[in-house]
Amino acid sequence: MKYEVTPKKRFEHTLAFLQNVLPAPATILDLGVRNELSERMEQCGYTVVNSTGEDLDLDVRIAMTKVDAVTAFEIFEHLVAPFNILRAIQANKLITTIPLKLWFAPAYRSKTDKWDRHYHEFEDWQFDWLLEKGGWEIVRSEKWTSPTKINGIRPILRLFTPRYYIVEARRKK
């Protein structure tokens, strides 16, 4: 059985959380290249500026864009040094998601794309610590599962093991 082409449940959770913590209209810098979630955010009334594929470990200038909030959906796990971009963000609000480390699955690594891999797979407390050290105060967070329609032990574990973590944070004063 195939995976769902559009990560519908993840997008729905992410958009609902975003709309709750940052009602539209608002201008958002979305770290990551333009994608379906960026388009959905615009359909919900947000103005979205995306990064353009620059290496966010080395080039943090995009983070200095003046916006109401920065979003980073499934980005920080791909960076070698996410601390650098977290410190450089000029906005006072950050909404971000990460996939959580799963004890029953190895870190994600694409077999066809040399850039599509997870350098970090965080536990929630590790990500919270990174945000706090990066100058952010966590306002609220949520976790949710990611069940699949594939048979096996791992898919059963995904029914009750949280896979995604979303955080609203504000810049510490």
Protein backbone atom coordinates (compact mmCIF):
# COMPACT_ATOMS: atom_id res chain seq x y z
CA MET A 1 0.00 0.00 0.00
CA LYS A 2 1.29 3.49 -0.86
CA TYR A 3 1.80 6.39 1.49
CA GLU A 4 -0.61 9.30 1.09
CA VAL A 5 0.85 11.76 -1.42
CA THR A 6 -0.25 14.83 0.59
CA PRO A 7 0.49 14.68 4.32
CA LYS A 8 -3.13 15.70 5.02
CA LYS A 9 -3.26 15.05 8.77
CA ARG A 10 0.04 16.88 9.41
CA PHE A 11 -1.06 19.88 7.32
CA GLU A 12 -4.46 20.02 9.05
CA HIS A 13 -2.88 19.93 12.53
CA THR A 14 -0.28 22.51 11.53
CA LEU A 15 -2.80 24.94 10.00
CA ALA A 16 -5.23 24.63 12.92
CA PHE A 17 -2.42 25.35 15.39
CA LEU A 18 -1.14 28.27 13.29
CA GLN A 19 -4.62 29.83 12.99
CA ASN A 20 -5.07 29.51 16.76
CA VAL A 21 -1.77 31.17 17.73
CA LEU A 22 -1.45 33.66 14.85
CA PRO A 23 -4.79 34.62 13.28
CA ALA A 24 -4.72 35.87 9.68
CA PRO A 25 -3.95 38.28 8.22
CA ALA A 26 -0.28 38.14 9.15
CA THR A 27 3.00 38.18 7.25
CA ILE A 28 5.06 35.03 7.71
CA LEU A 29 8.61 34.09 6.77
CA ASP A 30 8.36 30.36 6.15
CA LEU A 31 11.80 28.75 6.33
CA GLY A 32 11.92 26.25 3.50
CA VAL A 33 11.14 26.47 -0.19
CA ARG A 34 7.61 27.19 -1.38
CA ASN A 35 5.42 24.12 -1.07
CA GLU A 36 1.81 22.97 -0.70
CA LEU A 37 1.66 24.04 2.94
CA SER A 38 2.84 27.57 2.00
CA GLU A 39 0.02 27.73 -0.55
CA ARG A 40 -2.52 26.52 2.00
CA MET A 41 -1.36 29.21 4.44
CA GLU A 42 -1.94 31.83 1.74
CA GLN A 43 -5.42 30.42 1.07
CA CYS A 44 -6.11 30.97 4.79
CA GLY A 45 -5.27 34.69 4.47
CA TYR A 46 -1.56 34.82 5.35
CA THR A 47 1.12 36.57 3.31
CA VAL A 48 3.95 34.05 3.03
CA VAL A 49 7.57 34.68 2.08
CA ASN A 50 9.63 31.52 1.67
CA SER A 51 13.36 31.00 1.75
CA THR A 52 14.75 29.95 -1.62
CA GLY A 53 16.85 26.89 -0.88
CA GLU A 54 19.86 28.61 0.66
CA ASP A 55 21.85 26.58 3.17
CA LEU A 56 20.36 27.81 6.46
CA ASP A 57 23.35 26.44 8.37
CA LEU A 58 25.64 28.86 6.56
CA ASP A 59 23.41 31.70 5.33
CA VAL A 60 21.12 33.15 8.00
CA ARG A 61 20.40 36.49 6.27
CA ILE A 62 16.86 35.42 5.36
CA ALA A 63 16.06 35.24 9.09
CA MET A 64 16.53 38.98 9.34
CA THR A 65 13.41 39.65 7.24
CA LYS A 66 10.88 41.78 9.15
CA VAL A 67 7.66 39.76 9.54
CA ASP A 68 4.95 39.06 12.11
CA ALA A 69 6.22 35.52 12.65
CA VAL A 70 8.60 32.88 11.34
CA THR A 71 7.43 29.36 10.62
CA ALA A 72 9.73 26.39 10.17
CA PHE A 73 7.78 23.25 9.37
CA GLU A 74 9.98 20.15 9.23
CA ILE A 75 13.19 22.19 8.77
CA PHE A 76 15.37 22.13 11.90
CA GLU A 77 15.99 18.38 11.80
CA HIS A 78 17.77 18.85 8.44
CA LEU A 79 20.24 21.42 9.78
CA VAL A 80 23.64 20.60 11.26
CA ALA A 81 23.47 23.72 13.46
CA PRO A 82 19.85 24.90 13.92
CA PHE A 83 21.01 27.09 16.83
CA ASN A 84 22.50 29.60 14.36
CA ILE A 85 19.27 30.34 12.52
CA LEU A 86 17.27 30.35 15.76
CA ARG A 87 19.53 33.11 17.11
CA ALA A 88 19.33 35.10 13.87
CA ILE A 89 15.53 35.21 13.55
CA GLN A 90 14.35 38.81 13.94
CA ALA A 91 10.64 38.11 14.51
CA ASN A 92 9.24 37.82 18.01
CA LYS A 93 7.10 34.75 17.24
CA LEU A 94 8.13 31.32 15.97
CA ILE A 95 5.84 28.44 15.04
CA THR A 96 7.71 25.27 14.22
CA THR A 97 7.23 21.54 13.78
CA ILE A 98 9.66 18.67 13.89
CA PRO A 99 9.31 14.92 13.53
CA LEU A 100 10.10 13.30 16.86
CA LYS A 101 12.75 10.65 17.27
CA LEU A 102 11.12 7.22 17.18
CA TRP A 103 12.80 4.55 19.25
CA PHE A 104 11.67 1.87 16.79
CA ALA A 105 12.86 3.51 13.56
CA PRO A 106 16.26 4.75 12.33
CA ALA A 107 16.82 8.41 11.42
CA TYR A 108 15.34 9.35 8.06
CA ARG A 109 17.69 9.35 5.09
CA SER A 110 16.59 9.52 1.46
CA LYS A 111 18.26 7.00 -0.81
CA THR A 112 17.85 9.26 -3.86
CA ASP A 113 18.41 12.81 -2.59
CA LYS A 114 21.70 13.58 -0.83
CA TRP A 115 20.20 16.65 0.93
CA ASP A 116 16.95 15.03 2.10
CA ARG A 117 18.01 13.54 5.42
CA HIS A 118 17.67 14.22 9.11
CA TYR A 119 20.84 15.29 10.83
CA HIS A 120 18.87 15.53 14.08
CA GLU A 121 15.85 13.62 15.26
CA PHE A 122 14.89 15.23 18.51
CA GLU A 123 13.02 14.13 21.56
CA ASP A 124 10.65 16.86 22.70
CA TRP A 125 12.82 17.89 25.67
CA GLN A 126 15.87 18.23 23.40
CA PHE A 127 14.03 20.50 21.00
CA ASP A 128 12.63 22.56 23.89
CA TRP A 129 16.17 22.98 25.22
CA LEU A 130 17.47 24.03 21.80
CA LEU A 131 14.74 26.66 21.52
CA GLU A 132 15.40 27.96 25.02
CA LYS A 133 19.17 28.15 24.43
CA GLY A 134 18.43 29.88 21.11
CA GLY A 135 16.62 32.70 22.92
CA TRP A 136 13.03 31.47 22.74
CA GLU A 137 10.39 30.92 25.38
CA ILE A 138 7.89 28.13 24.68
CA VAL A 139 4.31 29.34 24.90
CA ARG A 140 2.53 26.10 23.98
CA SER A 141 3.15 22.81 22.25
CA GLU A 142 1.31 19.75 20.98
CA LYS A 143 2.17 16.27 19.74
CA TRP A 144 0.29 13.95 17.43
CA THR A 145 0.63 10.50 15.92
CA SER A 146 1.15 9.55 12.29
CA PRO A 147 -0.62 6.26 11.59
CA THR A 148 -0.25 4.65 8.18
CA LYS A 149 -2.33 2.12 6.27
CA ILE A 150 0.64 -0.23 5.95
CA ASN A 151 0.71 -3.53 7.84
CA GLY A 152 3.48 -4.40 10.28
CA ILE A 153 4.91 -3.78 13.74
CA ARG A 154 6.12 -0.22 13.06
CA PRO A 155 2.74 0.93 11.68
CA ILE A 156 1.06 -0.47 14.80
CA LEU A 157 3.51 1.45 17.00
CA ARG A 158 2.76 4.62 15.00
CA LEU A 159 -0.88 4.39 16.09
CA PHE A 160 -0.01 5.48 19.62
CA THR A 161 3.55 6.87 19.49
CA PRO A 162 3.64 10.64 18.83
CA ARG A 163 5.56 11.43 15.64
CA TYR A 164 5.10 15.19 15.24
CA TYR A 165 5.74 18.04 17.63
CA ILE A 166 4.58 21.63 17.12
CA VAL A 167 5.68 24.60 19.21
CA GLU A 168 4.69 28.23 19.51
CA ALA A 169 7.57 30.23 20.95
CA ARG A 170 8.23 33.90 21.56
CA ARG A 171 11.52 35.70 21.65
CA LYS A 172 12.80 36.08 25.24
CA LYS A 173 12.95 39.67 26.42
